[in-house]
N, C-alpha and C. Protein backbone atom coordinates (compact mmCIF):
# COMPACT_ATOMS: atom_id res chain seq x y z
N UNK A 1 0.83 -1.19 0.00
CA UNK A 1 0.00 0.00 0.00
C UNK A 1 0.88 1.25 0.00
N UNK A 2 0.30 2.35 -0.41
CA UNK A 2 1.02 3.63 -0.44
C UNK A 2 1.52 4.00 0.95
N UNK A 3 0.68 3.79 1.96
CA UNK A 3 1.05 4.13 3.34
C UNK A 3 2.24 3.29 3.81
N UNK A 4 2.20 2.00 3.52
CA UNK A 4 3.30 1.12 3.93
C UNK A 4 4.60 1.50 3.22
N UNK A 5 4.52 1.79 1.93
CA UNK A 5 5.70 2.22 1.18
C UNK A 5 6.26 3.50 1.77
N UNK A 6 5.40 4.46 2.05
CA UNK A 6 5.85 5.74 2.61
C UNK A 6 6.50 5.53 3.97
N UNK A 7 5.93 4.66 4.79
CA UNK A 7 6.49 4.41 6.12
C UNK A 7 7.88 3.77 6.03
N UNK A 8 8.04 2.82 5.12
CA UNK A 8 9.35 2.17 4.93
C UNK A 8 10.37 3.20 4.45
N UNK A 9 10.00 4.00 3.47
CA UNK A 9 10.92 5.00 2.95
C UNK A 9 11.24 6.06 3.99
N UNK A 10 10.24 6.47 4.75
CA UNK A 10 10.47 7.48 5.79
C UNK A 10 11.47 6.96 6.81
N UNK A 11 11.24 5.74 7.28
CA UNK A 11 12.13 5.19 8.31
C UNK A 11 13.56 5.06 7.79
N UNK A 12 13.71 4.64 6.55
CA UNK A 12 15.05 4.44 5.99
C UNK A 12 15.75 5.76 5.66
N UNK A 13 15.01 6.73 5.13
CA UNK A 13 15.63 7.96 4.64
C UNK A 13 15.64 9.10 5.65
N UNK A 14 14.71 9.10 6.59
CA UNK A 14 14.58 10.23 7.50
C UNK A 14 15.03 9.94 8.94
N UNK A 15 14.98 8.69 9.35
CA UNK A 15 15.31 8.35 10.74
C UNK A 15 16.79 7.98 10.84
N UNK A 16 17.40 8.36 11.95
CA UNK A 16 18.79 7.95 12.17
C UNK A 16 18.80 6.47 12.55
N UNK A 17 19.98 5.89 12.64
CA UNK A 17 20.05 4.47 12.97
C UNK A 17 19.59 4.18 14.39
N UNK A 18 19.44 5.21 15.20
CA UNK A 18 18.99 5.04 16.58
C UNK A 18 17.51 5.36 16.76
N UNK A 19 16.83 5.69 15.66
CA UNK A 19 15.41 6.06 15.72
C UNK A 19 14.58 5.05 14.94
N UNK A 20 13.32 4.97 15.29
CA UNK A 20 12.34 4.21 14.54
C UNK A 20 11.25 5.17 14.09
N UNK A 21 10.40 4.69 13.23
CA UNK A 21 9.31 5.55 12.77
C UNK A 21 8.39 5.93 13.93
N UNK A 22 8.35 5.11 14.96
CA UNK A 22 7.52 5.41 16.13
C UNK A 22 8.00 6.67 16.86
N UNK A 23 9.27 7.04 16.65
CA UNK A 23 9.83 8.23 17.29
C UNK A 23 9.44 9.51 16.56
N UNK A 24 8.97 9.40 15.35
CA UNK A 24 8.63 10.57 14.54
C UNK A 24 7.23 11.06 14.87
N UNK A 25 7.02 12.34 14.65
CA UNK A 25 5.69 12.89 14.91
C UNK A 25 4.73 12.47 13.79
N UNK A 26 3.48 12.24 14.12
CA UNK A 26 2.50 11.88 13.10
C UNK A 26 2.40 12.92 11.98
N UNK A 27 2.60 14.19 12.33
CA UNK A 27 2.53 15.25 11.33
C UNK A 27 3.68 15.14 10.32
N UNK A 28 4.89 14.83 10.81
CA UNK A 28 6.04 14.65 9.92
C UNK A 28 5.80 13.49 8.96
N UNK A 29 5.27 12.40 9.48
CA UNK A 29 5.01 11.22 8.65
C UNK A 29 3.93 11.54 7.61
N UNK A 30 2.89 12.23 8.01
CA UNK A 30 1.82 12.61 7.09
C UNK A 30 2.37 13.48 5.96
N UNK A 31 3.21 14.44 6.30
CA UNK A 31 3.80 15.32 5.28
C UNK A 31 4.67 14.53 4.32
N UNK A 32 5.44 13.57 4.85
CA UNK A 32 6.28 12.75 4.00
C UNK A 32 5.43 11.91 3.05
N UNK A 33 4.35 11.33 3.57
CA UNK A 33 3.45 10.53 2.72
C UNK A 33 2.89 11.36 1.57
N UNK A 34 2.48 12.59 1.88
CA UNK A 34 1.94 13.47 0.84
C UNK A 34 3.01 13.83 -0.18
N UNK A 35 4.22 14.12 0.30
CA UNK A 35 5.32 14.47 -0.60
C UNK A 35 5.67 13.29 -1.50
N UNK A 36 5.71 12.09 -0.92
CA UNK A 36 6.03 10.90 -1.71
C UNK A 36 5.00 10.70 -2.82
N UNK A 37 3.74 10.84 -2.48
CA UNK A 37 2.69 10.67 -3.47
C UNK A 37 2.89 11.65 -4.63
N UNK A 38 3.25 12.89 -4.32
CA UNK A 38 3.49 13.89 -5.36
C UNK A 38 4.74 13.54 -6.17
N UNK A 39 5.79 13.07 -5.50
CA UNK A 39 7.02 12.70 -6.21
C UNK A 39 6.75 11.60 -7.22
N UNK A 40 5.91 10.65 -6.85
CA UNK A 40 5.64 9.52 -7.74
C UNK A 40 4.72 9.90 -8.90
N UNK A 41 4.03 11.02 -8.80
CA UNK A 41 3.11 11.44 -9.86
C UNK A 41 3.72 12.48 -10.81
N UNK A 42 4.71 13.20 -10.36
CA UNK A 42 5.27 14.30 -11.16
C UNK A 42 6.33 13.81 -12.14
N UNK A 43 6.29 14.39 -13.32
CA UNK A 43 7.35 14.12 -14.30
C UNK A 43 8.65 14.81 -13.91
N UNK A 44 8.55 15.86 -13.09
CA UNK A 44 9.72 16.66 -12.75
C UNK A 44 10.52 16.12 -11.56
N UNK A 45 10.08 15.02 -10.96
CA UNK A 45 10.82 14.45 -9.84
C UNK A 45 12.18 13.99 -10.34
N UNK A 46 13.26 14.39 -9.66
CA UNK A 46 14.59 14.00 -10.11
C UNK A 46 14.75 12.47 -10.15
N UNK A 47 15.40 12.01 -11.19
CA UNK A 47 15.64 10.58 -11.35
C UNK A 47 16.41 10.03 -10.15
N UNK A 48 17.32 10.82 -9.60
CA UNK A 48 18.11 10.36 -8.46
C UNK A 48 17.23 10.04 -7.26
N UNK A 49 16.18 10.82 -7.06
CA UNK A 49 15.27 10.56 -5.94
C UNK A 49 14.51 9.25 -6.17
N UNK A 50 14.05 9.04 -7.40
CA UNK A 50 13.34 7.81 -7.71
C UNK A 50 14.25 6.60 -7.57
N UNK A 51 15.50 6.75 -8.00
CA UNK A 51 16.48 5.67 -7.84
C UNK A 51 16.71 5.36 -6.37
N UNK A 52 16.73 6.39 -5.55
CA UNK A 52 16.90 6.21 -4.11
C UNK A 52 15.73 5.39 -3.56
N UNK A 53 14.53 5.70 -3.98
CA UNK A 53 13.36 4.95 -3.54
C UNK A 53 13.45 3.48 -3.97
N UNK A 54 13.83 3.24 -5.22
CA UNK A 54 13.94 1.87 -5.73
C UNK A 54 15.01 1.11 -4.97
N UNK A 55 16.11 1.75 -4.65
CA UNK A 55 17.19 1.10 -3.89
C UNK A 55 16.69 0.66 -2.52
N UNK A 56 15.99 1.55 -1.83
CA UNK A 56 15.46 1.21 -0.50
C UNK A 56 14.49 0.04 -0.60
N UNK A 57 13.60 0.10 -1.57
CA UNK A 57 12.61 -0.97 -1.74
C UNK A 57 13.31 -2.29 -2.05
N UNK A 58 14.27 -2.27 -2.96
CA UNK A 58 14.93 -3.51 -3.38
C UNK A 58 15.77 -4.14 -2.28
N UNK A 59 16.18 -3.35 -1.28
CA UNK A 59 16.98 -3.88 -0.17
C UNK A 59 16.14 -4.20 1.07
N UNK A 60 14.84 -3.89 1.01
CA UNK A 60 13.97 -4.13 2.17
C UNK A 60 13.81 -5.63 2.39
N UNK A 61 13.89 -6.10 3.64
CA UNK A 61 13.80 -7.54 3.92
C UNK A 61 12.54 -8.22 3.37
N UNK A 62 11.41 -7.54 3.40
CA UNK A 62 10.18 -8.14 2.86
C UNK A 62 10.29 -8.36 1.35
N UNK A 63 10.94 -7.43 0.67
CA UNK A 63 11.12 -7.56 -0.77
C UNK A 63 12.15 -8.65 -1.08
N UNK A 64 13.24 -8.65 -0.34
CA UNK A 64 14.29 -9.66 -0.55
C UNK A 64 13.72 -11.06 -0.33
N UNK A 65 12.84 -11.20 0.67
CA UNK A 65 12.25 -12.50 0.99
C UNK A 65 11.41 -13.06 -0.16
N UNK A 66 10.96 -12.20 -1.05
CA UNK A 66 10.19 -12.67 -2.20
C UNK A 66 11.05 -13.45 -3.19
N UNK A 67 12.37 -13.23 -3.14
CA UNK A 67 13.29 -13.96 -4.00
C UNK A 67 13.09 -13.67 -5.48
N UNK A 68 12.79 -12.44 -5.81
CA UNK A 68 12.52 -12.09 -7.20
C UNK A 68 13.77 -11.83 -8.03
N UNK A 69 14.91 -11.71 -7.38
CA UNK A 69 16.17 -11.44 -8.09
C UNK A 69 16.02 -10.27 -9.06
N UNK A 70 15.48 -9.19 -8.56
CA UNK A 70 15.24 -8.01 -9.38
C UNK A 70 16.53 -7.22 -9.56
N UNK A 71 16.77 -6.80 -10.78
CA UNK A 71 17.90 -5.94 -11.09
C UNK A 71 17.38 -4.51 -11.15
N UNK A 72 18.00 -3.62 -10.41
CA UNK A 72 17.57 -2.22 -10.42
C UNK A 72 17.92 -1.62 -11.77
N UNK A 73 16.93 -1.06 -12.48
CA UNK A 73 17.18 -0.51 -13.81
C UNK A 73 18.06 0.74 -13.76
N UNK A 74 18.84 0.91 -14.81
CA UNK A 74 19.69 2.09 -14.91
C UNK A 74 19.72 2.53 -16.37
N UNK A 75 19.48 3.82 -16.59
CA UNK A 75 19.50 4.36 -17.94
C UNK A 75 20.94 4.58 -18.38
N UNK A 76 21.24 4.18 -19.60
CA UNK A 76 22.56 4.39 -20.18
C UNK A 76 22.37 5.24 -21.43
N UNK A 77 23.01 6.40 -21.45
CA UNK A 77 22.93 7.29 -22.60
C UNK A 77 23.77 6.72 -23.74
N UNK A 78 23.18 6.56 -24.90
CA UNK A 78 23.87 5.93 -26.03
C UNK A 78 24.38 6.94 -27.05
N UNK A 79 24.61 8.14 -26.64
CA UNK A 79 25.09 9.17 -27.58
C UNK A 79 26.57 9.13 -27.73
């Protein structure tokens, strides 16, 4: 779900190694969820941010447990 994805990304990208998402304020989490939704819908979201999201998802234990052997895509300019 969108909420679960946002929570995983928030904890990985915003919390220090000594914090959990439970330590964050509900307002901060809500703002992050809204921002994430906008990032995923906009054409102007930097590719680096999207790659960061894909990296976090691909390394998450629940995703790894699926055993999908997913390769993170990377654009190569052929000019």
